Amino acid sequence: MVLQEEKDKKNALQFIKKGVEPQLEILKQILVDGTPQQKMYADAMPKQYSMLYNASHIILPFFKSNSGVMKPSSVSSLNPLSSIWCVIENIFLASTAEGLACSMRIPVGDEGLNVAKAVGAPDDYLMPCYIGLGYPADDKTVVEQVEFIAGQKIHRRKW
C-alpha cells in the first residue's frame, strides 16, 4: 500500500507516538554518547514520525500471514516473512540507486495490527514496517561512517 495524501498518512501514522515515548527515555539515558550506530539511532528515533510523515510517499508493505509465521513449526513457516523482507531490501536498494532517501520504522506491540485495521487491510495480512520514501532533506544528519576491512569481520574456521 502506498500513501501520499496527508489524511491517509495521518491515519496510518497515528499509532507511532505511543510506541516512541518509552524508547525515547532509553535514548536520553544511554545512547547519545555511544558508538556511531548508537548516535545514529539516538538521532533518528525522535524523528520517526516526522521522517515518515514528511516523506513524499509512505509504503506499507503487507504480506499474507500463515498460522505459523509468528510461531514457526518449520523453516517453511517463515517463507512469507522472509519474502517480504527481501522485497523491503529491494525497495531500499532501488530507491537509493535512484537518489531517493528511505526511512523505516518497525511497529511496536499492537501498532502494526492497529495500522492494518485503520487502513482496511484483510485480517490475515501483517505489516512488518513502515517505509518513508522521498528526496533527502537539505538539513539531513550526516551519519559518521565506521570503516573496516572485510578481513576484520570474516571468521575463518573458528571465531
N, C-alpha and C. Protein backbone atom coordinates (compact mmCIF):
# COMPACT_ATOMS: atom_id res chain seq x y z
N MET A 1 0.84 -1.16 0.00
CA MET A 1 0.00 0.00 0.00
C MET A 1 0.90 1.24 0.00
N VAL A 2 0.59 2.20 -0.87
CA VAL A 2 1.36 3.44 -0.96
C VAL A 2 0.46 4.61 -0.60
N LEU A 3 0.94 5.45 0.31
CA LEU A 3 0.17 6.61 0.77
C LEU A 3 0.88 7.90 0.40
N GLN A 4 0.11 8.87 -0.10
CA GLN A 4 0.65 10.19 -0.43
C GLN A 4 -0.15 11.31 0.22
N GLU A 5 -1.43 11.13 0.37
CA GLU A 5 -2.30 12.19 0.87
C GLU A 5 -2.11 12.38 2.37
N GLU A 6 -2.17 13.63 2.82
CA GLU A 6 -1.96 13.97 4.23
C GLU A 6 -2.90 13.20 5.16
N LYS A 7 -4.17 13.14 4.83
CA LYS A 7 -5.13 12.45 5.70
C LYS A 7 -4.83 10.95 5.79
N ASP A 8 -4.39 10.35 4.70
CA ASP A 8 -4.05 8.93 4.70
C ASP A 8 -2.79 8.66 5.53
N LYS A 9 -1.82 9.57 5.42
CA LYS A 9 -0.60 9.45 6.22
C LYS A 9 -0.91 9.56 7.71
N LYS A 10 -1.70 10.57 8.07
CA LYS A 10 -2.07 10.75 9.48
C LYS A 10 -2.79 9.52 10.02
N ASN A 11 -3.67 8.96 9.23
CA ASN A 11 -4.42 7.79 9.65
C ASN A 11 -3.48 6.61 9.93
N ALA A 12 -2.53 6.38 9.04
CA ALA A 12 -1.61 5.25 9.18
C ALA A 12 -0.57 5.46 10.27
N LEU A 13 -0.20 6.71 10.50
CA LEU A 13 0.88 7.00 11.45
C LEU A 13 0.38 7.33 12.86
N GLN A 14 -0.90 7.33 13.08
CA GLN A 14 -1.46 7.76 14.36
C GLN A 14 -1.00 6.94 15.57
N PHE A 15 -0.54 5.73 15.34
CA PHE A 15 -0.17 4.85 16.47
C PHE A 15 1.30 4.92 16.83
N ILE A 16 2.09 5.67 16.07
CA ILE A 16 3.54 5.70 16.29
C ILE A 16 3.91 6.35 17.62
N LYS A 17 3.34 7.47 17.94
CA LYS A 17 3.77 8.23 19.12
C LYS A 17 3.67 7.40 20.40
N LYS A 18 2.68 6.53 20.50
CA LYS A 18 2.56 5.68 21.69
C LYS A 18 3.75 4.74 21.82
N GLY A 19 4.28 4.26 20.71
CA GLY A 19 5.41 3.34 20.74
C GLY A 19 6.74 4.02 20.92
N VAL A 20 6.83 5.29 20.51
CA VAL A 20 8.11 6.01 20.57
C VAL A 20 8.44 6.50 21.97
N GLU A 21 7.44 6.94 22.72
CA GLU A 21 7.70 7.55 24.03
C GLU A 21 8.58 6.71 24.96
N PRO A 22 8.28 5.42 25.19
CA PRO A 22 9.15 4.63 26.09
C PRO A 22 10.58 4.50 25.56
N GLN A 23 10.71 4.44 24.23
CA GLN A 23 12.04 4.30 23.64
C GLN A 23 12.85 5.57 23.80
N LEU A 24 12.20 6.72 23.77
CA LEU A 24 12.92 7.98 23.93
C LEU A 24 13.56 8.08 25.32
N GLU A 25 12.94 7.53 26.33
CA GLU A 25 13.52 7.54 27.67
C GLU A 25 14.83 6.77 27.69
N ILE A 26 14.88 5.66 27.01
CA ILE A 26 16.12 4.87 26.92
C ILE A 26 17.21 5.70 26.23
N LEU A 27 16.85 6.37 25.16
CA LEU A 27 17.83 7.17 24.41
C LEU A 27 18.44 8.27 25.27
N LYS A 28 17.61 8.93 26.04
CA LYS A 28 18.10 10.02 26.88
C LYS A 28 19.16 9.53 27.86
N GLN A 29 19.02 8.30 28.29
CA GLN A 29 19.91 7.78 29.33
C GLN A 29 21.21 7.18 28.79
N ILE A 30 21.17 6.48 27.65
CA ILE A 30 22.37 5.71 27.32
C ILE A 30 22.97 5.88 25.94
N LEU A 31 22.26 6.35 24.95
CA LEU A 31 22.77 6.24 23.59
C LEU A 31 23.46 7.49 23.03
N VAL A 32 23.22 8.63 23.54
CA VAL A 32 23.69 9.87 22.91
C VAL A 32 25.21 9.94 22.80
N ASP A 33 25.93 9.41 23.75
CA ASP A 33 27.40 9.45 23.71
C ASP A 33 28.00 8.09 23.36
N GLY A 34 27.27 7.25 22.67
CA GLY A 34 27.71 5.89 22.39
C GLY A 34 28.48 5.77 21.09
N THR A 35 28.40 4.59 20.51
CA THR A 35 29.06 4.28 19.25
C THR A 35 28.39 5.06 18.12
N PRO A 36 29.00 5.14 16.94
CA PRO A 36 28.34 5.81 15.82
C PRO A 36 26.95 5.24 15.52
N GLN A 37 26.79 3.93 15.64
CA GLN A 37 25.49 3.31 15.40
C GLN A 37 24.48 3.77 16.45
N GLN A 38 24.90 3.84 17.71
CA GLN A 38 24.01 4.29 18.77
C GLN A 38 23.65 5.76 18.61
N LYS A 39 24.61 6.58 18.18
CA LYS A 39 24.35 8.00 17.94
C LYS A 39 23.33 8.18 16.81
N MET A 40 23.46 7.38 15.75
CA MET A 40 22.52 7.45 14.63
C MET A 40 21.12 7.08 15.12
N TYR A 41 21.03 6.04 15.93
CA TYR A 41 19.75 5.60 16.47
C TYR A 41 19.15 6.70 17.35
N ALA A 42 19.98 7.30 18.19
CA ALA A 42 19.51 8.36 19.08
C ALA A 42 19.01 9.57 18.28
N ASP A 43 19.63 9.85 17.13
CA ASP A 43 19.18 10.96 16.29
C ASP A 43 17.87 10.62 15.58
N ALA A 44 17.76 9.38 15.10
CA ALA A 44 16.62 9.00 14.27
C ALA A 44 15.34 8.71 15.06
N MET A 45 15.46 8.11 16.24
CA MET A 45 14.27 7.70 16.98
C MET A 45 13.27 8.84 17.21
N PRO A 46 13.71 9.99 17.69
CA PRO A 46 12.72 11.07 17.91
C PRO A 46 12.10 11.58 16.61
N LYS A 47 12.74 11.31 15.48
CA LYS A 47 12.26 11.80 14.19
C LYS A 47 11.40 10.78 13.44
N GLN A 48 11.13 9.63 14.05
CA GLN A 48 10.46 8.58 13.29
C GLN A 48 9.12 9.03 12.71
N TYR A 49 8.34 9.74 13.46
CA TYR A 49 7.05 10.20 12.94
C TYR A 49 7.28 11.22 11.82
N SER A 50 8.11 12.22 12.08
CA SER A 50 8.28 13.29 11.09
C SER A 50 8.97 12.80 9.81
N MET A 51 9.92 11.86 9.94
CA MET A 51 10.57 11.35 8.73
C MET A 51 9.56 10.63 7.84
N LEU A 52 8.66 9.90 8.45
CA LEU A 52 7.64 9.21 7.66
C LEU A 52 6.60 10.20 7.14
N TYR A 53 6.08 11.05 8.03
CA TYR A 53 5.01 11.97 7.65
C TYR A 53 5.47 12.93 6.54
N ASN A 54 6.72 13.41 6.62
CA ASN A 54 7.23 14.36 5.64
C ASN A 54 7.73 13.72 4.36
N ALA A 55 7.82 12.41 4.33
CA ALA A 55 8.22 11.72 3.10
C ALA A 55 7.13 11.90 2.04
N SER A 56 7.53 11.99 0.79
CA SER A 56 6.51 12.17 -0.25
C SER A 56 5.61 10.95 -0.38
N HIS A 57 6.14 9.78 -0.06
CA HIS A 57 5.37 8.55 -0.12
C HIS A 57 5.63 7.71 1.13
N ILE A 58 4.61 7.08 1.64
CA ILE A 58 4.76 6.08 2.70
C ILE A 58 4.33 4.75 2.11
N ILE A 59 5.22 3.78 2.21
CA ILE A 59 4.90 2.44 1.74
C ILE A 59 4.61 1.58 2.97
N LEU A 60 3.49 0.92 2.96
CA LEU A 60 3.13 -0.04 4.00
C LEU A 60 3.16 -1.41 3.34
N PRO A 61 4.29 -2.13 3.49
CA PRO A 61 4.37 -3.45 2.87
C PRO A 61 3.59 -4.46 3.72
N PHE A 62 2.70 -5.19 3.10
CA PHE A 62 1.93 -6.22 3.80
C PHE A 62 2.25 -7.57 3.19
N PHE A 63 2.12 -8.60 4.00
CA PHE A 63 2.24 -9.96 3.48
C PHE A 63 1.14 -10.81 4.08
N LYS A 64 0.71 -11.80 3.29
CA LYS A 64 -0.33 -12.71 3.79
C LYS A 64 0.33 -13.69 4.75
N SER A 65 -0.13 -13.65 5.98
CA SER A 65 0.49 -14.49 7.00
C SER A 65 -0.13 -15.88 6.99
N ASN A 66 0.64 -16.82 7.49
CA ASN A 66 0.09 -18.15 7.70
C ASN A 66 0.05 -18.38 9.20
N SER A 67 -0.53 -19.44 9.62
CA SER A 67 -0.69 -19.66 11.06
C SER A 67 0.63 -19.87 11.78
N GLY A 68 1.69 -20.20 11.05
CA GLY A 68 2.96 -20.49 11.71
C GLY A 68 3.99 -19.39 11.65
N VAL A 69 3.66 -18.27 11.04
CA VAL A 69 4.69 -17.24 10.85
C VAL A 69 5.18 -16.64 12.17
N MET A 70 4.32 -16.52 13.15
CA MET A 70 4.74 -15.95 14.43
C MET A 70 5.20 -17.02 15.42
N LYS A 71 4.83 -18.26 15.17
CA LYS A 71 5.27 -19.40 15.99
C LYS A 71 5.62 -20.53 15.03
N PRO A 72 6.76 -20.41 14.34
CA PRO A 72 7.08 -21.36 13.28
C PRO A 72 7.32 -22.78 13.79
N SER A 73 6.75 -23.72 13.04
CA SER A 73 6.99 -25.13 13.35
C SER A 73 8.04 -25.72 12.42
N SER A 74 8.34 -25.01 11.34
CA SER A 74 9.37 -25.43 10.40
C SER A 74 9.92 -24.19 9.69
N VAL A 75 11.01 -24.39 8.98
CA VAL A 75 11.61 -23.27 8.26
C VAL A 75 10.65 -22.72 7.22
N SER A 76 9.90 -23.59 6.55
CA SER A 76 8.98 -23.11 5.52
C SER A 76 7.85 -22.25 6.09
N SER A 77 7.59 -22.35 7.38
CA SER A 77 6.58 -21.49 8.01
C SER A 77 6.98 -20.03 7.93
N LEU A 78 8.27 -19.78 7.78
CA LEU A 78 8.78 -18.40 7.76
C LEU A 78 8.89 -17.82 6.34
N ASN A 79 8.51 -18.59 5.32
CA ASN A 79 8.65 -18.11 3.95
C ASN A 79 7.96 -16.77 3.68
N PRO A 80 6.73 -16.54 4.14
CA PRO A 80 6.11 -15.22 3.88
C PRO A 80 6.90 -14.07 4.53
N LEU A 81 7.38 -14.29 5.74
CA LEU A 81 8.13 -13.25 6.44
C LEU A 81 9.47 -12.98 5.76
N SER A 82 10.19 -14.02 5.40
CA SER A 82 11.49 -13.81 4.75
C SER A 82 11.30 -13.18 3.37
N SER A 83 10.24 -13.56 2.67
CA SER A 83 9.99 -12.98 1.35
C SER A 83 9.71 -11.49 1.42
N ILE A 84 8.89 -11.05 2.39
CA ILE A 84 8.58 -9.62 2.47
C ILE A 84 9.82 -8.81 2.81
N TRP A 85 10.71 -9.37 3.65
CA TRP A 85 11.93 -8.63 3.98
C TRP A 85 12.87 -8.55 2.78
N CYS A 86 12.84 -9.53 1.88
CA CYS A 86 13.60 -9.42 0.62
C CYS A 86 13.02 -8.30 -0.24
N VAL A 87 11.70 -8.20 -0.28
CA VAL A 87 11.03 -7.13 -1.02
C VAL A 87 11.43 -5.77 -0.45
N ILE A 88 11.41 -5.65 0.87
CA ILE A 88 11.76 -4.39 1.54
C ILE A 88 13.20 -4.00 1.21
N GLU A 89 14.10 -4.97 1.28
CA GLU A 89 15.50 -4.68 0.94
C GLU A 89 15.63 -4.19 -0.50
N ASN A 90 14.90 -4.82 -1.41
CA ASN A 90 14.97 -4.40 -2.81
C ASN A 90 14.38 -3.00 -3.02
N ILE A 91 13.36 -2.64 -2.26
CA ILE A 91 12.82 -1.27 -2.32
C ILE A 91 13.91 -0.29 -1.90
N PHE A 92 14.61 -0.59 -0.82
CA PHE A 92 15.68 0.30 -0.35
C PHE A 92 16.81 0.40 -1.36
N LEU A 93 17.24 -0.72 -1.92
CA LEU A 93 18.33 -0.71 -2.89
C LEU A 93 17.95 0.07 -4.15
N ALA A 94 16.76 -0.19 -4.69
CA ALA A 94 16.32 0.50 -5.90
C ALA A 94 16.13 1.99 -5.65
N SER A 95 15.57 2.35 -4.51
CA SER A 95 15.35 3.77 -4.18
C SER A 95 16.67 4.50 -4.06
N THR A 96 17.62 3.89 -3.36
CA THR A 96 18.94 4.50 -3.19
C THR A 96 19.62 4.69 -4.55
N ALA A 97 19.51 3.70 -5.42
CA ALA A 97 20.11 3.79 -6.76
C ALA A 97 19.51 4.95 -7.56
N GLU A 98 18.27 5.33 -7.26
CA GLU A 98 17.61 6.44 -7.95
C GLU A 98 17.82 7.78 -7.24
N GLY A 99 18.64 7.80 -6.17
CA GLY A 99 18.92 9.04 -5.47
C GLY A 99 17.86 9.42 -4.44
N LEU A 100 17.00 8.50 -4.08
CA LEU A 100 15.97 8.77 -3.09
C LEU A 100 16.46 8.37 -1.70
N ALA A 101 15.79 8.88 -0.71
CA ALA A 101 16.10 8.54 0.69
C ALA A 101 14.97 7.69 1.24
N CYS A 102 15.32 6.82 2.16
CA CYS A 102 14.33 5.94 2.78
C CYS A 102 14.45 6.04 4.29
N SER A 103 13.34 5.90 4.96
CA SER A 103 13.33 5.75 6.41
C SER A 103 12.43 4.55 6.72
N MET A 104 12.65 3.95 7.86
CA MET A 104 11.87 2.77 8.21
C MET A 104 11.57 2.78 9.69
N ARG A 105 10.43 2.24 10.01
CA ARG A 105 10.05 2.02 11.40
C ARG A 105 9.39 0.65 11.50
N ILE A 106 9.82 -0.12 12.48
CA ILE A 106 9.20 -1.40 12.76
C ILE A 106 8.17 -1.17 13.86
N PRO A 107 6.93 -1.59 13.64
CA PRO A 107 5.88 -1.36 14.63
C PRO A 107 6.19 -2.07 15.95
N VAL A 108 5.73 -1.46 17.04
CA VAL A 108 5.93 -1.99 18.39
C VAL A 108 4.58 -2.46 18.95
N GLY A 109 4.59 -3.61 19.61
CA GLY A 109 3.36 -4.12 20.23
C GLY A 109 2.26 -4.35 19.22
N ASP A 110 1.08 -3.82 19.49
CA ASP A 110 -0.08 -3.98 18.59
C ASP A 110 -0.15 -2.89 17.52
N GLU A 111 0.89 -2.08 17.43
CA GLU A 111 0.88 -0.97 16.48
C GLU A 111 0.60 -1.43 15.05
N GLY A 112 1.30 -2.47 14.58
CA GLY A 112 1.11 -2.95 13.21
C GLY A 112 -0.31 -3.45 12.96
N LEU A 113 -0.87 -4.17 13.93
CA LEU A 113 -2.25 -4.65 13.80
C LEU A 113 -3.23 -3.48 13.76
N ASN A 114 -2.97 -2.45 14.58
CA ASN A 114 -3.84 -1.26 14.59
C ASN A 114 -3.77 -0.52 13.26
N VAL A 115 -2.57 -0.41 12.69
CA VAL A 115 -2.42 0.26 11.39
C VAL A 115 -3.17 -0.54 10.32
N ALA A 116 -3.00 -1.86 10.34
CA ALA A 116 -3.67 -2.72 9.36
C ALA A 116 -5.19 -2.50 9.41
N LYS A 117 -5.75 -2.43 10.61
CA LYS A 117 -7.19 -2.18 10.75
C LYS A 117 -7.55 -0.79 10.24
N ALA A 118 -6.72 0.21 10.57
CA ALA A 118 -7.01 1.59 10.19
C ALA A 118 -7.01 1.78 8.67
N VAL A 119 -6.18 1.03 7.97
CA VAL A 119 -6.11 1.19 6.51
C VAL A 119 -6.95 0.16 5.77
N GLY A 120 -7.64 -0.70 6.53
CA GLY A 120 -8.55 -1.66 5.91
C GLY A 120 -7.90 -2.90 5.32
N ALA A 121 -6.73 -3.27 5.81
CA ALA A 121 -6.07 -4.48 5.31
C ALA A 121 -6.85 -5.71 5.76
N PRO A 122 -6.83 -6.77 4.98
CA PRO A 122 -7.50 -8.01 5.40
C PRO A 122 -6.90 -8.54 6.71
N ASP A 123 -7.69 -9.26 7.47
CA ASP A 123 -7.27 -9.76 8.79
C ASP A 123 -6.05 -10.67 8.73
N ASP A 124 -5.84 -11.38 7.65
CA ASP A 124 -4.72 -12.32 7.58
C ASP A 124 -3.46 -11.72 6.95
N TYR A 125 -3.39 -10.40 6.88
CA TYR A 125 -2.20 -9.72 6.36
C TYR A 125 -1.50 -8.97 7.50
N LEU A 126 -0.17 -9.03 7.49
CA LEU A 126 0.64 -8.35 8.51
C LEU A 126 1.54 -7.31 7.86
N MET A 127 1.84 -6.27 8.61
CA MET A 127 2.72 -5.19 8.15
C MET A 127 4.01 -5.22 8.98
N PRO A 128 5.14 -5.58 8.38
CA PRO A 128 6.38 -5.66 9.15
C PRO A 128 7.04 -4.31 9.43
N CYS A 129 6.74 -3.29 8.63
CA CYS A 129 7.37 -1.99 8.84
C CYS A 129 6.64 -0.92 8.04
N TYR A 130 6.99 0.31 8.33
CA TYR A 130 6.60 1.46 7.52
C TYR A 130 7.85 1.85 6.75
N ILE A 131 7.70 2.32 5.52
CA ILE A 131 8.83 2.85 4.75
C ILE A 131 8.47 4.25 4.30
N GLY A 132 9.32 5.22 4.63
CA GLY A 132 9.17 6.57 4.11
C GLY A 132 10.09 6.70 2.90
N LEU A 133 9.59 7.28 1.82
CA LEU A 133 10.35 7.38 0.59
C LEU A 133 10.23 8.78 0.02
N GLY A 134 11.35 9.36 -0.32
CA GLY A 134 11.34 10.70 -0.91
C GLY A 134 12.76 11.18 -1.14
N TYR A 135 12.90 12.45 -1.45
CA TYR A 135 14.24 13.01 -1.64
C TYR A 135 14.82 13.40 -0.29
N PRO A 136 16.14 13.27 -0.13
CA PRO A 136 16.76 13.61 1.16
C PRO A 136 16.50 15.07 1.55
N ALA A 137 16.31 15.30 2.83
CA ALA A 137 16.11 16.67 3.34
C ALA A 137 17.43 17.44 3.21
N ASP A 138 17.32 18.74 3.00
CA ASP A 138 18.52 19.57 2.90
C ASP A 138 19.31 19.58 4.21
N ASP A 139 18.61 19.51 5.33
CA ASP A 139 19.27 19.57 6.64
C ASP A 139 19.46 18.18 7.26
N LYS A 140 19.59 17.17 6.42
CA LYS A 140 19.71 15.80 6.94
C LYS A 140 20.97 15.64 7.79
N THR A 141 20.89 14.75 8.75
CA THR A 141 22.04 14.43 9.59
C THR A 141 23.00 13.57 8.78
N VAL A 142 24.27 13.92 8.82
CA VAL A 142 25.28 13.11 8.16
C VAL A 142 25.80 12.12 9.19
N VAL A 143 25.61 10.85 8.91
CA VAL A 143 25.95 9.79 9.85
C VAL A 143 27.44 9.47 9.74
N GLU A 144 28.10 9.40 10.90
CA GLU A 144 29.51 9.02 10.94
C GLU A 144 29.66 7.60 10.41
N GLN A 145 30.58 7.42 9.47
CA GLN A 145 30.83 6.11 8.90
C GLN A 145 32.01 5.45 9.60
N VAL A 146 31.88 4.19 9.89
CA VAL A 146 32.96 3.43 10.51
C VAL A 146 33.55 2.55 9.42
N GLU A 147 34.82 2.76 9.12
CA GLU A 147 35.47 1.99 8.08
C GLU A 147 36.12 0.75 8.66
N PHE A 148 36.09 -0.32 7.91
CA PHE A 148 36.75 -1.55 8.32
C PHE A 148 37.13 -2.33 7.08
N ILE A 149 38.04 -3.24 7.25
CA ILE A 149 38.47 -4.13 6.18
C ILE A 149 37.66 -5.43 6.35
N ALA A 150 37.18 -5.98 5.25
CA ALA A 150 36.34 -7.18 5.32
C ALA A 150 37.00 -8.28 6.15
N GLY A 151 38.31 -8.42 6.05
CA GLY A 151 39.02 -9.44 6.81
C GLY A 151 38.87 -9.30 8.32
N GLN A 152 38.56 -8.09 8.78
CA GLN A 152 38.34 -7.86 10.21
C GLN A 152 37.00 -8.44 10.67
N LYS A 153 36.09 -8.68 9.77
CA LYS A 153 34.75 -9.14 10.11
C LYS A 153 34.50 -10.60 9.74
N ILE A 154 35.37 -11.18 8.92
CA ILE A 154 35.18 -12.57 8.49
C ILE A 154 35.97 -13.49 9.41
N HIS A 155 35.31 -14.51 9.90
CA HIS A 155 35.95 -15.50 10.77
C HIS A 155 36.13 -16.79 9.98
N ARG A 156 37.36 -17.27 9.90
CA ARG A 156 37.64 -18.48 9.13
C ARG A 156 37.97 -19.63 10.08
N ARG A 157 37.21 -20.69 9.94
CA ARG A 157 37.39 -21.93 10.65
C ARG A 157 37.13 -21.86 12.15
N LYS A 158 37.23 -20.71 12.75
CA LYS A 158 36.90 -20.55 14.17
C LYS A 158 36.60 -19.09 14.44
N TRP A 159 35.93 -18.82 15.52
CA TRP A 159 35.52 -17.44 15.84
C TRP A 159 36.68 -16.68 16.43
